[in-house]
Protein backbone atom coordinates (compact mmCIF):
# COMPACT_ATOMS: atom_id res chain seq x y z
CA MET A 1 -80.19 63.63 -75.21
CA SER A 2 -80.37 65.60 -78.44
CA GLU A 3 -77.48 65.94 -80.81
CA GLN A 4 -77.33 69.57 -79.86
CA ASP A 5 -76.75 68.71 -76.26
CA GLN A 6 -74.06 66.26 -77.18
CA ARG A 7 -72.23 68.85 -79.20
CA GLN A 8 -72.21 71.28 -76.33
CA GLY A 9 -69.16 71.30 -74.11
CA PRO A 10 -69.17 70.80 -70.44
CA GLU A 11 -71.61 72.76 -68.47
CA GLU A 12 -70.38 75.90 -66.99
CA ILE A 13 -70.27 75.89 -63.22
CA PRO A 14 -72.13 78.74 -61.64
CA SER A 15 -70.04 81.07 -59.65
CA GLY A 16 -69.53 80.13 -56.06
CA MET A 17 -69.75 76.38 -56.68
CA ILE A 18 -66.96 73.73 -56.87
CA ARG A 19 -66.86 71.12 -59.49
CA LYS A 20 -66.39 67.64 -58.01
CA THR A 21 -64.54 64.96 -59.88
CA ARG A 22 -65.24 61.32 -59.03
CA ARG A 23 -62.11 59.20 -58.68
CA VAL A 24 -62.17 55.53 -59.39
CA ARG A 25 -59.71 53.55 -57.17
CA ARG A 26 -58.25 50.24 -58.18
CA LYS A 27 -59.03 47.39 -55.88
CA ARG A 28 -56.15 45.74 -53.99
CA ARG A 29 -55.13 42.35 -55.05
CA SER A 30 -56.82 39.85 -52.85
CA SER A 31 -55.01 37.10 -50.95
CA GLY A 32 -56.17 34.83 -53.66
CA SER A 33 -53.43 36.24 -55.85
CA SER A 34 -50.69 35.03 -53.48
CA LYS A 35 -52.43 31.72 -53.20
CA ASN A 36 -52.49 31.57 -56.95
CA ARG A 37 -48.76 32.20 -57.06
CA GLU A 38 -48.13 29.46 -54.45
CA ALA A 39 -50.34 27.12 -56.37
CA SER A 40 -48.48 28.00 -59.54
CA SER A 41 -45.14 27.40 -57.79
CA LEU A 42 -46.36 24.09 -56.38
CA PHE A 43 -47.65 23.14 -59.79
CA SER A 44 -44.29 23.95 -61.35
CA ARG A 45 -42.48 22.01 -58.64
CA GLY A 46 -44.76 19.06 -59.12
CA LYS A 47 -44.23 19.23 -62.83
CA GLU A 48 -40.47 19.20 -62.40
CA LEU A 49 -40.75 16.33 -59.95
CA LEU A 50 -42.85 14.32 -62.35
CA LEU A 51 -40.36 14.91 -65.12
CA GLY A 52 -37.53 13.92 -62.78
CA MET A 53 -39.37 10.75 -61.76
CA HIS A 54 -39.96 9.88 -65.37
CA GLU A 55 -36.30 10.38 -66.10
CA GLU A 56 -35.26 8.24 -63.10
CA ASP A 57 -37.58 5.46 -64.20
CA GLY A 58 -36.23 5.69 -67.72
CA GLU A 59 -39.70 6.03 -69.15
CA TYR A 60 -42.56 8.48 -69.37
CA GLY A 61 -45.29 6.17 -68.24
CA HIS A 62 -48.13 7.03 -65.90
CA VAL A 63 -47.37 7.60 -62.17
CA ASP A 64 -50.31 7.42 -59.84
CA VAL A 65 -51.10 10.04 -57.19
CA ALA A 66 -49.95 7.93 -54.20
CA GLU A 67 -46.54 7.39 -55.79
CA GLN A 68 -46.23 11.08 -56.54
CA LEU A 69 -46.99 12.02 -52.92
CA ARG A 70 -44.52 9.47 -51.60
CA ARG A 71 -41.73 10.71 -53.83
CA LEU A 72 -42.54 14.31 -53.03
CA LYS A 73 -42.37 13.54 -49.28
CA ASN A 74 -39.00 11.79 -49.64
CA ARG A 75 -37.64 14.73 -51.55
CA ASP A 76 -38.81 17.18 -48.87
CA SER A 77 -37.18 15.09 -46.13
CA ASP A 78 -33.89 15.11 -48.02
CA ASP A 79 -34.11 18.86 -48.35
CA ASP A 80 -34.57 19.24 -44.58
CA LYS A 81 -31.55 17.05 -43.67
CA PRO A 82 -28.18 18.63 -42.86
CA LEU A 83 -25.77 18.50 -45.75
CA ASP A 84 -23.45 16.15 -43.76
CA GLU A 85 -26.19 13.55 -43.42
CA VAL A 86 -27.22 13.73 -47.06
CA TRP A 87 -23.75 13.33 -48.49
CA GLY A 88 -22.34 11.08 -45.74
CA THR A 89 -19.60 13.48 -44.69
CA LYS A 90 -20.64 13.24 -40.99
CA LYS A 91 -19.43 9.67 -40.73
CA LYS A 92 -16.19 10.54 -42.43
CA SER A 93 -15.64 13.43 -40.02
CA SER A 94 -16.15 11.12 -37.00
CA SER A 95 -13.59 8.67 -38.39
CA TRP A 96 -11.03 11.40 -38.83
CA LEU A 97 -11.67 12.50 -35.23
CA TRP A 98 -10.87 9.05 -33.88
CA ILE A 99 -7.73 8.85 -36.01
CA LEU A 100 -6.62 12.21 -34.65
CA LEU A 101 -7.24 11.17 -31.01
CA VAL A 102 -5.33 7.90 -31.41
CA GLY A 103 -2.50 9.76 -33.05
CA ILE A 104 -2.21 12.01 -30.00
CA ILE A 105 -2.76 9.45 -27.20
CA VAL A 106 -0.38 6.72 -28.42
CA PRO A 107 2.73 8.94 -28.49
CA VAL A 108 1.89 10.31 -25.03
CA ILE A 109 1.64 6.77 -23.59
CA ALA A 110 4.93 5.82 -25.24
CA ILE A 111 6.65 8.87 -23.74
CA VAL A 112 5.32 8.05 -20.23
CA ILE A 113 6.50 4.44 -20.46
CA GLY A 114 9.91 5.61 -21.63
CA ILE A 115 10.24 8.01 -18.70
CA VAL A 116 9.27 5.28 -16.21
CA GLN A 117 11.86 2.91 -17.63
CA LEU A 118 14.59 5.55 -17.66
CA THR A 119 13.92 6.55 -14.05
CA GLY A 120 13.78 2.93 -12.77
CA ASP A 121 16.32 1.40 -10.43
CA ASP A 122 19.05 -0.17 -12.54
CA ASP A 123 20.46 -2.07 -9.54
CA TYR A 124 17.51 -4.50 -9.52
CA ASP A 125 16.99 -7.35 -11.92
CA PRO A 126 13.48 -6.91 -13.48
CA GLY A 127 13.14 -10.68 -13.65
CA LEU A 128 13.59 -10.98 -9.89
CA ILE A 129 12.29 -7.75 -8.37
CA ASP A 130 8.72 -6.59 -8.78
CA LYS A 131 8.55 -2.82 -8.37
CA THR A 132 5.21 -3.16 -6.56
CA ASN A 133 6.77 -5.32 -3.85
CA LEU A 134 7.69 -2.67 -1.34
CA VAL A 135 8.62 -3.75 2.17
CA THR A 136 5.94 -2.61 4.61
CA LEU A 137 6.46 -2.55 8.35
CA GLU A 138 3.32 -1.67 10.27
CA ARG A 139 5.29 -0.75 13.40
CA GLU A 140 8.73 0.20 12.12
CA ALA A 141 10.65 1.64 15.07
CA PHE A 142 14.17 0.74 14.01
CA ASP A 143 16.70 1.20 11.23
CA THR A 144 15.87 -1.27 8.45
CA GLU A 145 19.56 -1.87 7.76
CA GLU A 146 20.20 -2.87 11.38
CA GLY A 147 16.85 -4.34 12.46
CA PRO A 148 15.18 -7.75 12.14
CA LEU A 149 14.94 -7.39 8.34
CA SER A 150 18.50 -6.26 7.64
CA TRP A 151 19.25 -9.60 5.95
CA TYR A 152 16.61 -8.77 3.37
CA HIS A 153 17.48 -5.11 2.80
CA THR A 154 21.19 -5.70 2.29
CA ASN A 155 20.73 -8.41 -0.36
CA THR A 156 17.23 -8.17 -1.78
CA THR A 157 17.99 -9.72 -5.16
CA GLY A 158 19.84 -12.68 -3.67
CA VAL A 159 17.10 -13.32 -1.07
CA ILE A 160 14.30 -13.40 -3.65
CA ARG A 161 16.35 -15.69 -5.88
CA GLU A 162 16.93 -18.08 -2.93
CA ILE A 163 13.23 -18.03 -2.02
CA ARG A 164 12.26 -19.05 -5.53
CA SER A 165 14.81 -21.83 -5.44
CA ILE A 166 13.47 -23.19 -2.12
CA ILE A 167 9.84 -23.16 -3.28
CA ASP A 168 10.84 -25.00 -6.46
CA ALA A 169 12.73 -27.62 -4.44
CA VAL A 170 9.76 -28.26 -2.13
CA ASN A 171 7.46 -28.55 -5.16
CA ARG A 172 9.66 -31.36 -6.51
CA ALA A 173 10.27 -33.11 -3.17
CA GLU A 174 8.69 -36.51 -2.56
CA SER A 175 9.82 -36.90 1.08
CA ALA A 176 10.63 -34.67 4.05
CA GLN A 177 14.26 -35.82 4.03
CA GLU A 178 14.83 -34.03 0.71
CA ILE A 179 14.07 -30.61 2.19
CA ASN A 180 15.24 -30.85 5.81
CA GLY A 181 18.13 -28.50 5.22
CA LEU A 182 15.85 -25.85 3.73
CA LEU A 183 13.50 -25.52 6.72
CA ARG A 184 13.52 -23.38 9.85
CA ARG A 185 14.49 -25.40 12.91
CA THR A 186 12.04 -25.18 15.83
CA PRO A 187 11.59 -27.33 18.98
CA SER A 188 8.14 -28.48 17.91
CA LEU A 189 9.28 -29.37 14.40
CA GLU A 190 11.96 -31.62 15.84
CA VAL A 191 9.31 -33.48 17.84
CA ARG A 192 6.59 -33.83 15.22
CA PRO A 193 7.48 -35.41 11.85
CA ILE A 194 6.81 -33.48 8.66
CA ASP A 195 4.07 -34.65 6.31
CA ILE A 196 5.10 -33.51 2.83
CA LYS A 197 1.49 -33.81 1.65
CA THR A 198 0.46 -30.80 3.73
CA TRP A 199 2.37 -28.61 1.26
CA GLY A 200 -0.44 -29.18 -1.24
CA LYS A 201 -0.30 -28.21 -4.90
CA ASN A 202 2.83 -26.79 -6.47
CA ARG A 203 3.28 -23.11 -5.54
CA LEU A 204 4.20 -20.93 -8.51
CA THR A 205 6.63 -18.02 -8.43
CA ASN A 206 6.37 -16.54 -11.92
CA SER A 207 4.92 -13.11 -12.55
CA LEU A 208 1.70 -14.52 -14.01
CA SER A 209 0.94 -16.29 -10.71
CA GLY A 210 0.75 -13.00 -8.80
CA PHE A 211 4.02 -13.70 -7.01
CA ARG A 212 4.87 -10.95 -4.49
CA TRP A 213 6.41 -10.50 -1.07
CA GLU A 214 6.16 -8.33 2.02
CA GLY A 215 8.59 -7.75 4.85
CA LEU A 216 7.08 -8.02 8.35
CA VAL A 217 8.16 -8.55 11.95
CA ALA A 218 6.76 -11.20 14.27
CA THR A 219 6.59 -9.90 17.83
CA ILE A 220 5.24 -11.02 21.15
CA PRO A 221 2.32 -8.78 22.22
CA GLY A 222 3.56 -6.02 24.49
CA LEU A 223 7.22 -6.21 23.43
CA PRO A 224 9.01 -3.80 21.01
CA ASP A 225 9.57 -4.69 17.37
CA THR A 226 13.33 -4.77 17.80
CA SER A 227 12.93 -7.96 19.82
CA GLY A 228 10.90 -9.68 17.10
CA THR A 229 11.77 -11.89 14.15
CA GLY A 230 11.83 -10.42 10.67
CA TYR A 231 10.20 -12.53 7.98
CA LEU A 232 9.03 -12.35 4.39
CA LEU A 233 5.43 -13.20 3.60
CA VAL A 234 5.41 -14.52 0.04
CA SER A 235 2.08 -14.93 -1.76
CA GLY A 236 0.84 -16.09 -5.13
CA HIS A 237 -1.21 -18.87 -6.71
CA CYS A 238 -0.74 -22.60 -7.00
CA GLU A 239 -0.94 -24.54 -10.24
CA ASP A 240 -4.65 -25.16 -9.56
CA HIS A 241 -5.14 -21.34 -9.25
CA SER A 242 -5.76 -21.50 -5.50
CA PRO A 243 -3.97 -18.76 -3.46
CA TYR A 244 -1.11 -19.52 -1.09
CA LYS A 245 0.99 -17.78 1.56
CA THR A 246 4.52 -18.92 2.37
CA TYR A 247 6.84 -17.62 5.10
CA PHE A 248 10.64 -17.26 5.13
CA VAL A 249 13.00 -16.27 7.93
CA TYR A 250 16.75 -15.86 8.33
CA GLN A 251 18.50 -18.54 10.39
CA ASP A 252 22.13 -19.63 10.69
CA GLY A 253 23.28 -17.19 8.01
CA ARG A 254 20.81 -18.17 5.32
CA VAL A 255 17.17 -17.84 4.21
CA VAL A 256 15.00 -20.80 5.24
CA LEU A 257 11.36 -21.81 4.85
CA ASP A 258 9.16 -21.62 7.95
CA TRP A 259 7.32 -24.90 7.41
CA GLU A 260 4.98 -24.57 10.39
CA ALA A 261 3.79 -21.11 9.40
CA SER A 262 3.56 -22.00 5.70
CA THR A 263 1.38 -25.06 6.33
CA GLY A 264 -0.55 -23.83 9.40
CA ASP A 265 0.94 -26.54 11.54
CA SER A 266 -0.59 -26.86 15.05
CA GLU A 267 -0.35 -29.10 18.08
CA LEU A 268 -4.00 -29.90 17.46
CA THR A 269 -6.09 -28.79 14.51
CA VAL A 270 -9.48 -27.20 15.05
CA ALA A 271 -11.13 -30.44 13.97
CA GLU A 272 -9.04 -32.35 16.53
CA LEU A 273 -10.02 -29.84 19.24
CA LEU A 274 -13.67 -30.64 18.58
CA GLU A 275 -12.97 -34.35 18.75
CA LYS A 276 -10.57 -34.59 21.70
CA LYS A 277 -11.58 -31.56 23.81
CA PRO A 278 -8.16 -31.37 25.53
CA ARG A 279 -7.96 -30.03 29.07
CA LYS A 280 -4.37 -29.02 28.43
CA GLU A 281 -3.77 -25.83 26.46
CA MET A 282 -2.76 -26.48 22.87
CA LEU A 283 -1.01 -24.22 20.37
CA VAL A 284 -3.30 -23.62 17.40
CA ARG A 285 -2.63 -21.71 14.17
CA CYS A 286 -6.06 -20.61 13.11
CA LEU A 287 -8.29 -17.92 11.61
CA LEU A 288 -9.93 -15.60 14.13
CA GLU A 289 -13.03 -13.43 13.93
CA LYS A 290 -14.99 -11.40 16.47
CA ARG A 291 -18.74 -10.90 16.22
CA SER A 292 -21.19 -9.01 18.35
CA ASN A 293 -23.74 -10.71 20.60
CA TYR A 294 -21.52 -13.70 21.31
CA GLU A 295 -21.09 -13.06 25.02
CA ILE A 296 -22.46 -15.36 27.67
CA GLU A 297 -22.69 -15.15 31.45
CA LEU A 298 -21.80 -18.12 33.64
CA GLY A 299 -21.63 -17.92 37.43
CA GLY A 300 -21.74 -14.13 37.31
CA VAL A 301 -18.77 -13.94 34.88
CA ILE A 302 -19.04 -12.51 31.34
CA TYR A 303 -17.37 -14.64 28.65
CA SER A 304 -16.46 -12.92 25.37
CA GLY A 305 -16.76 -15.25 22.36
CA TYR A 306 -14.58 -15.54 19.24
CA PHE A 307 -14.94 -17.66 16.10
CA VAL A 308 -11.89 -19.90 15.65
CA SER A 309 -11.63 -21.60 12.23
CA SER A 310 -9.23 -23.99 10.55
CA PRO A 311 -7.05 -22.62 7.71
CA ASP A 312 -9.36 -24.18 5.12
CA LEU A 313 -12.50 -22.90 6.96
CA ASN A 314 -13.90 -26.44 7.08
CA SER A 315 -13.90 -26.63 10.90
CA ARG A 316 -14.98 -24.02 13.46
CA ILE A 317 -15.42 -23.58 17.18
CA ILE A 318 -16.41 -20.72 19.47
CA ALA A 319 -13.74 -20.01 22.07
CA TYR A 320 -14.24 -17.63 24.98
CA ILE A 321 -12.26 -15.30 27.21
CA PRO A 322 -13.57 -14.99 30.78
CA LEU A 323 -13.46 -11.29 31.70
CA ASN A 324 -12.85 -11.95 35.37
CA SER A 325 -9.25 -10.69 35.72
CA ALA A 326 -7.03 -7.83 34.58
CA ARG A 327 -4.91 -10.29 32.61
CA ASN A 328 -7.89 -11.63 30.65
CA LYS A 329 -9.23 -8.12 30.03
CA GLN A 330 -5.87 -7.19 28.53
CA LEU A 331 -6.00 -10.34 26.41
CA GLU A 332 -9.40 -9.19 25.16
CA ARG A 333 -8.03 -5.75 24.28
CA ASP A 334 -5.06 -7.25 22.41
CA LEU A 335 -7.27 -9.50 20.30
CA LYS A 336 -9.73 -6.73 19.51
CA ALA A 337 -6.90 -4.42 18.47
CA THR A 338 -5.48 -7.14 16.19
CA LEU A 339 -8.90 -7.61 14.60
CA ASN A 340 -9.58 -3.85 14.45
CA TYR A 341 -12.77 -4.58 16.35
CA GLY A 342 -14.41 -1.68 18.16
CA MET A 343 -11.64 0.71 17.08
CA PHE A 344 -13.81 3.80 16.60
CA VAL A 345 -10.86 6.06 15.82
CA THR A 346 -10.48 4.39 12.42
CA LYS A 347 -12.93 3.88 9.60
CA SER A 348 -11.56 0.46 8.66
CA PRO A 349 -14.01 -2.42 9.20
CA PRO A 350 -13.18 -5.31 11.54
CA ILE A 351 -10.87 -7.93 10.06
CA LYS A 352 -12.44 -11.29 9.35
CA ASN A 353 -10.57 -14.60 9.46
CA LYS A 354 -7.34 -13.05 10.69
CA ARG A 355 -4.34 -15.37 10.94
CA VAL A 356 -3.27 -15.66 14.58
CA THR A 357 -1.59 -18.18 16.84
CA LEU A 358 -3.43 -19.01 20.08
CA LYS A 359 -3.34 -21.44 22.96
CA ILE A 360 -6.75 -23.02 23.56
CA ALA A 361 -8.04 -25.51 26.15
CA HIS A 362 -11.44 -27.07 26.88
CA ARG A 363 -13.20 -26.35 30.17
CA GLY A 364 -15.63 -29.21 30.70
CA GLU A 365 -16.99 -27.85 34.01
CA LEU A 366 -18.43 -24.72 32.39
CA GLY A 367 -21.88 -24.80 30.88
CA ASP A 368 -23.87 -27.86 29.92
CA GLN A 369 -21.24 -29.35 27.65
CA GLY A 370 -18.25 -27.26 28.60
CA LEU A 371 -16.62 -24.60 26.44
CA PHE A 372 -13.31 -23.77 24.75
CA GLU A 373 -11.26 -21.05 26.40
CA ILE A 374 -8.57 -18.86 24.84
CA ILE A 375 -5.65 -19.10 27.26
CA GLU A 376 -2.92 -17.17 25.42
CA PHE A 377 -2.55 -14.87 22.42
CA GLU A 378 0.84 -16.13 21.28
CA HIS A 379 1.34 -13.73 18.37
CA ASP A 380 -0.17 -12.18 15.29
CA ASP A 381 -0.02 -14.27 12.08
CA TRP A 382 1.60 -17.72 12.07
CA VAL A 383 5.34 -16.99 12.36
CA SER A 384 6.69 -17.55 15.86
CA PRO A 385 9.02 -14.75 17.11
């Protein structure tokens, strides 16, 4: 282009034409810019971290790449943790929570105990009367102040004190003569001498031994309770930690120990029944249990079987009831009711090893070796009415 052309201004645009101007647009910043910023930020963070690590180490020596990555990872994990975990305030908060709960619960318990003590019966001596020992009568059909247990209800504290005294005296006794005046008089006891050794280990009556009592009535099956004998069943543990049951009745104006019931005394023990096989019916205090599939048939008669065990469960026989008469069928019903066996109206399971008093004899003419027959159901438990 000549100098003349350069000196000339812009060309004139012929009429009817539009002059176009070319615009130059700036390019958008690429994503690389943001990546550069992140890299710069990461670089700065790494630089700060390196300086911090140098300061922590107390020197500005060289730190290799692996150590830098490890420290950077630990720092990131601390940043992600809740503030409570980093500073340890979570544990302190939990401790304060427990202190607060204890501070609330303890006063509430103290208030409840105070209310129970204030509402207790002041007429009873706490050292003699256990509040859990409530008299229970399974078939109470009479006024307790006039019935078979009136002697207990009218002087509960004195009766329990006398019972403890009698048990303590028997524990110390070395011969039957020392306790004769403390025992219930019965025709059989006057015939058979007492063996003091059958008492066993000393029976404890303190609260730690589980000492408790229960008022019951011994009745003859089929007769009302008012005709029975009221007694106290006292239980606890001996000095060797074995459990015991001891029975007391009221006779001749005072509380006395029922020796026969307390020791399981019988005309013949279960072991002696096995040995002697008596043809005469014998009174036996035993443990009774009914099981299914223990029926046999002899001569067209069904015999219902029962397990009869000694008080210590060391001896056992199977005794039967022949269901060949209305009397024996009633005997079967009475025993099943006592054992809660086949009582579908209740959900309670059958009772095992129930204390009962029976009359048993051996029938040598039945079966190959004979069998034991239950002749009478004298009464429930071991106290004679």
